[in-house]
Amino acid sequence: MPESIEQRKRRRKRDAVRGVVFFALLQLCCAIAFGALCCIPELPHWAVVLFGVLAVLSLALVIPAVLVLKSRFREIEGGELDAAAKY
């Protein structure tokens, strides 16, 4: 039996959320790794600053991902993919 439009929308939303959650977890792992590198004793100050900035930037990338997710939800609700699939 073919999938209904509502089921397809739910599946696409679920897949979009999974992608953003996976990305956020990956960025969190990177931030933790960079934060751990900051704690190395006798590390030059410039390296501590570099790893700190990289940790913050890794976490900051989650914000645009959430904004893109909101945009993706609007696309899914608007039926743009379904309309494009007809052509």
N, C-alpha and C. Protein backbone atom coordinates (compact mmCIF):
# COMPACT_ATOMS: atom_id res chain seq x y z
N MET A 1 0.84 -1.17 0.00
CA MET A 1 0.00 0.00 0.00
C MET A 1 0.89 1.25 0.00
N PRO A 2 0.64 2.20 -0.88
CA PRO A 2 1.47 3.40 -0.94
C PRO A 2 1.33 4.24 0.32
N GLU A 3 2.37 4.97 0.57
CA GLU A 3 2.45 5.81 1.76
C GLU A 3 1.58 7.06 1.58
N SER A 4 0.83 7.44 2.61
CA SER A 4 0.00 8.64 2.50
C SER A 4 0.89 9.88 2.60
N ILE A 5 0.33 11.01 2.23
CA ILE A 5 1.09 12.27 2.25
C ILE A 5 1.51 12.61 3.68
N GLU A 6 0.60 12.41 4.64
CA GLU A 6 0.91 12.72 6.04
C GLU A 6 2.01 11.80 6.58
N GLN A 7 1.96 10.52 6.21
CA GLN A 7 3.01 9.60 6.64
C GLN A 7 4.35 10.00 6.04
N ARG A 8 4.34 10.41 4.79
CA ARG A 8 5.56 10.84 4.12
C ARG A 8 6.13 12.09 4.80
N LYS A 9 5.25 13.03 5.15
CA LYS A 9 5.70 14.24 5.84
C LYS A 9 6.32 13.90 7.20
N ARG A 10 5.65 13.01 7.94
CA ARG A 10 6.19 12.62 9.25
C ARG A 10 7.55 11.95 9.11
N ARG A 11 7.68 11.08 8.10
CA ARG A 11 8.95 10.40 7.88
C ARG A 11 10.05 11.39 7.51
N ARG A 12 9.73 12.35 6.64
CA ARG A 12 10.73 13.34 6.24
C ARG A 12 11.13 14.23 7.41
N LYS A 13 10.17 14.60 8.24
CA LYS A 13 10.49 15.40 9.43
C LYS A 13 11.38 14.61 10.39
N ARG A 14 11.02 13.36 10.61
CA ARG A 14 11.80 12.49 11.49
C ARG A 14 13.23 12.35 10.97
N ASP A 15 13.38 12.15 9.68
CA ASP A 15 14.72 12.03 9.08
C ASP A 15 15.50 13.33 9.22
N ALA A 16 14.83 14.47 9.05
CA ALA A 16 15.50 15.77 9.19
C ALA A 16 15.97 15.98 10.63
N VAL A 17 15.13 15.63 11.59
CA VAL A 17 15.51 15.78 13.00
C VAL A 17 16.66 14.84 13.33
N ARG A 18 16.61 13.63 12.84
CA ARG A 18 17.72 12.69 13.09
C ARG A 18 19.03 13.24 12.56
N GLY A 19 19.00 13.82 11.38
CA GLY A 19 20.22 14.39 10.80
C GLY A 19 20.79 15.51 11.65
N VAL A 20 19.92 16.40 12.13
CA VAL A 20 20.39 17.52 12.94
C VAL A 20 20.88 17.02 14.30
N VAL A 21 20.20 16.05 14.88
CA VAL A 21 20.65 15.50 16.17
C VAL A 21 22.01 14.83 16.00
N PHE A 22 22.18 14.07 14.94
CA PHE A 22 23.46 13.42 14.70
C PHE A 22 24.57 14.47 14.52
N PHE A 23 24.27 15.52 13.75
CA PHE A 23 25.24 16.60 13.55
C PHE A 23 25.59 17.27 14.88
N ALA A 24 24.57 17.53 15.70
CA ALA A 24 24.80 18.18 16.99
C ALA A 24 25.65 17.31 17.90
N LEU A 25 25.40 16.01 17.90
CA LEU A 25 26.21 15.10 18.72
C LEU A 25 27.66 15.06 18.23
N LEU A 26 27.83 15.07 16.93
CA LEU A 26 29.18 15.08 16.37
C LEU A 26 29.91 16.37 16.75
N GLN A 27 29.21 17.49 16.67
CA GLN A 27 29.81 18.77 17.05
C GLN A 27 30.13 18.80 18.54
N LEU A 28 29.27 18.21 19.36
CA LEU A 28 29.53 18.14 20.79
C LEU A 28 30.77 17.31 21.08
N CYS A 29 30.93 16.20 20.38
CA CYS A 29 32.13 15.38 20.54
C CYS A 29 33.39 16.17 20.15
N CYS A 30 33.30 16.92 19.07
CA CYS A 30 34.44 17.74 18.65
C CYS A 30 34.76 18.79 19.70
N ALA A 31 33.73 19.43 20.24
CA ALA A 31 33.94 20.46 21.26
C ALA A 31 34.57 19.87 22.50
N ILE A 32 34.14 18.68 22.89
CA ILE A 32 34.73 18.02 24.06
C ILE A 32 36.19 17.68 23.79
N ALA A 33 36.47 17.20 22.59
CA ALA A 33 37.86 16.87 22.25
C ALA A 33 38.74 18.12 22.25
N PHE A 34 38.26 19.21 21.65
CA PHE A 34 39.04 20.44 21.67
C PHE A 34 39.19 20.99 23.08
N GLY A 35 38.14 20.86 23.89
CA GLY A 35 38.22 21.29 25.28
C GLY A 35 39.24 20.48 26.06
N ALA A 36 39.29 19.18 25.77
CA ALA A 36 40.27 18.33 26.45
C ALA A 36 41.69 18.70 26.02
N LEU A 37 41.86 19.07 24.76
CA LEU A 37 43.18 19.48 24.30
C LEU A 37 43.64 20.77 24.99
N CYS A 38 42.69 21.61 25.38
CA CYS A 38 43.04 22.84 26.11
C CYS A 38 43.65 22.54 27.47
N CYS A 39 43.35 21.38 28.00
CA CYS A 39 43.80 21.04 29.36
C CYS A 39 45.17 20.38 29.39
N ILE A 40 45.82 20.25 28.25
CA ILE A 40 47.16 19.65 28.23
C ILE A 40 48.12 20.58 28.96
N PRO A 41 48.84 20.05 29.96
CA PRO A 41 49.78 20.91 30.69
C PRO A 41 50.94 21.37 29.79
N GLU A 42 51.43 22.54 30.08
CA GLU A 42 52.57 23.14 29.38
C GLU A 42 52.31 23.37 27.89
N LEU A 43 51.05 23.47 27.52
CA LEU A 43 50.70 23.78 26.13
C LEU A 43 50.89 25.27 25.92
N PRO A 44 51.46 25.69 24.79
CA PRO A 44 51.63 27.13 24.56
C PRO A 44 50.27 27.85 24.60
N HIS A 45 50.31 29.09 25.01
CA HIS A 45 49.07 29.87 25.17
C HIS A 45 48.30 29.97 23.86
N TRP A 46 49.00 30.16 22.74
CA TRP A 46 48.31 30.28 21.46
C TRP A 46 47.55 29.01 21.13
N ALA A 47 48.07 27.83 21.51
CA ALA A 47 47.40 26.57 21.23
C ALA A 47 46.15 26.41 22.10
N VAL A 48 46.25 26.86 23.36
CA VAL A 48 45.08 26.81 24.25
C VAL A 48 43.97 27.69 23.67
N VAL A 49 44.34 28.89 23.22
CA VAL A 49 43.35 29.80 22.62
C VAL A 49 42.76 29.18 21.35
N LEU A 50 43.62 28.61 20.53
CA LEU A 50 43.15 27.99 19.29
C LEU A 50 42.15 26.88 19.56
N PHE A 51 42.50 25.98 20.48
CA PHE A 51 41.59 24.87 20.79
C PHE A 51 40.31 25.37 21.46
N GLY A 52 40.40 26.41 22.26
CA GLY A 52 39.20 26.99 22.87
C GLY A 52 38.27 27.58 21.82
N VAL A 53 38.85 28.31 20.88
CA VAL A 53 38.04 28.89 19.80
C VAL A 53 37.40 27.79 18.96
N LEU A 54 38.15 26.76 18.65
CA LEU A 54 37.59 25.64 17.88
C LEU A 54 36.46 24.94 18.62
N ALA A 55 36.59 24.82 19.94
CA ALA A 55 35.52 24.20 20.74
C ALA A 55 34.25 25.04 20.68
N VAL A 56 34.41 26.36 20.83
CA VAL A 56 33.24 27.25 20.79
C VAL A 56 32.61 27.24 19.39
N LEU A 57 33.43 27.29 18.37
CA LEU A 57 32.90 27.28 17.00
C LEU A 57 32.17 25.98 16.69
N SER A 58 32.69 24.88 17.21
CA SER A 58 32.01 23.59 17.00
C SER A 58 30.60 23.62 17.57
N LEU A 59 30.46 24.21 18.75
CA LEU A 59 29.14 24.29 19.37
C LEU A 59 28.27 25.33 18.67
N ALA A 60 28.88 26.40 18.20
CA ALA A 60 28.12 27.46 17.54
C ALA A 60 27.50 27.00 16.23
N LEU A 61 28.08 26.00 15.59
CA LEU A 61 27.54 25.51 14.32
C LEU A 61 26.19 24.82 14.47
N VAL A 62 25.82 24.50 15.69
CA VAL A 62 24.53 23.85 15.91
C VAL A 62 23.39 24.85 15.69
N ILE A 63 23.63 26.13 15.97
CA ILE A 63 22.59 27.15 15.81
C ILE A 63 22.11 27.25 14.35
N PRO A 64 23.03 27.39 13.37
CA PRO A 64 22.54 27.41 11.99
C PRO A 64 21.86 26.11 11.57
N ALA A 65 22.30 24.99 12.14
CA ALA A 65 21.68 23.71 11.80
C ALA A 65 20.22 23.69 12.25
N VAL A 66 19.94 24.26 13.41
CA VAL A 66 18.55 24.31 13.90
C VAL A 66 17.73 25.24 13.02
N LEU A 67 18.31 26.35 12.59
CA LEU A 67 17.59 27.26 11.70
C LEU A 67 17.29 26.60 10.36
N VAL A 68 18.22 25.83 9.86
CA VAL A 68 17.99 25.10 8.61
C VAL A 68 16.91 24.04 8.81
N LEU A 69 16.89 23.42 9.99
CA LEU A 69 15.85 22.44 10.28
C LEU A 69 14.47 23.08 10.26
N LYS A 70 14.35 24.27 10.83
CA LYS A 70 13.07 24.98 10.80
C LYS A 70 12.65 25.27 9.35
N SER A 71 13.60 25.67 8.53
CA SER A 71 13.33 25.92 7.12
C SER A 71 12.91 24.63 6.42
N ARG A 72 13.56 23.55 6.76
CA ARG A 72 13.24 22.25 6.18
C ARG A 72 11.82 21.83 6.55
N PHE A 73 11.43 22.09 7.80
CA PHE A 73 10.06 21.78 8.21
C PHE A 73 9.04 22.56 7.39
N ARG A 74 9.35 23.83 7.12
CA ARG A 74 8.44 24.64 6.29
C ARG A 74 8.33 24.06 4.88
N GLU A 75 9.46 23.60 4.33
CA GLU A 75 9.43 22.97 3.00
C GLU A 75 8.57 21.71 3.01
N ILE A 76 8.73 20.91 4.04
CA ILE A 76 7.99 19.66 4.13
C ILE A 76 6.49 19.95 4.27
N GLU A 77 6.15 20.90 5.14
CA GLU A 77 4.74 21.24 5.34
C GLU A 77 4.13 21.87 4.08
N GLY A 78 4.95 22.63 3.35
CA GLY A 78 4.45 23.27 2.14
C GLY A 78 4.26 22.33 0.98
N GLY A 79 4.79 21.11 1.09
CA GLY A 79 4.64 20.13 0.03
C GLY A 79 5.49 20.40 -1.18
N GLU A 80 6.58 21.14 -1.01
CA GLU A 80 7.43 21.49 -2.15
C GLU A 80 8.05 20.25 -2.81
N LEU A 81 8.45 19.27 -1.98
CA LEU A 81 9.05 18.07 -2.55
C LEU A 81 8.03 17.24 -3.32
N ASP A 82 6.82 17.19 -2.78
CA ASP A 82 5.78 16.45 -3.48
C ASP A 82 5.42 17.10 -4.81
N ALA A 83 5.38 18.43 -4.81
CA ALA A 83 5.08 19.16 -6.05
C ALA A 83 6.20 18.98 -7.07
N ALA A 84 7.44 19.00 -6.60
CA ALA A 84 8.58 18.85 -7.51
C ALA A 84 8.66 17.42 -8.05
N ALA A 85 8.19 16.45 -7.29
CA ALA A 85 8.25 15.06 -7.73
C ALA A 85 7.30 14.78 -8.90
N LYS A 86 6.34 15.64 -9.09
CA LYS A 86 5.37 15.44 -10.19
C LYS A 86 6.00 15.73 -11.54
N TYR A 87 7.10 16.49 -11.57
CA TYR A 87 7.70 16.88 -12.85
C TYR A 87 8.76 15.95 -13.28
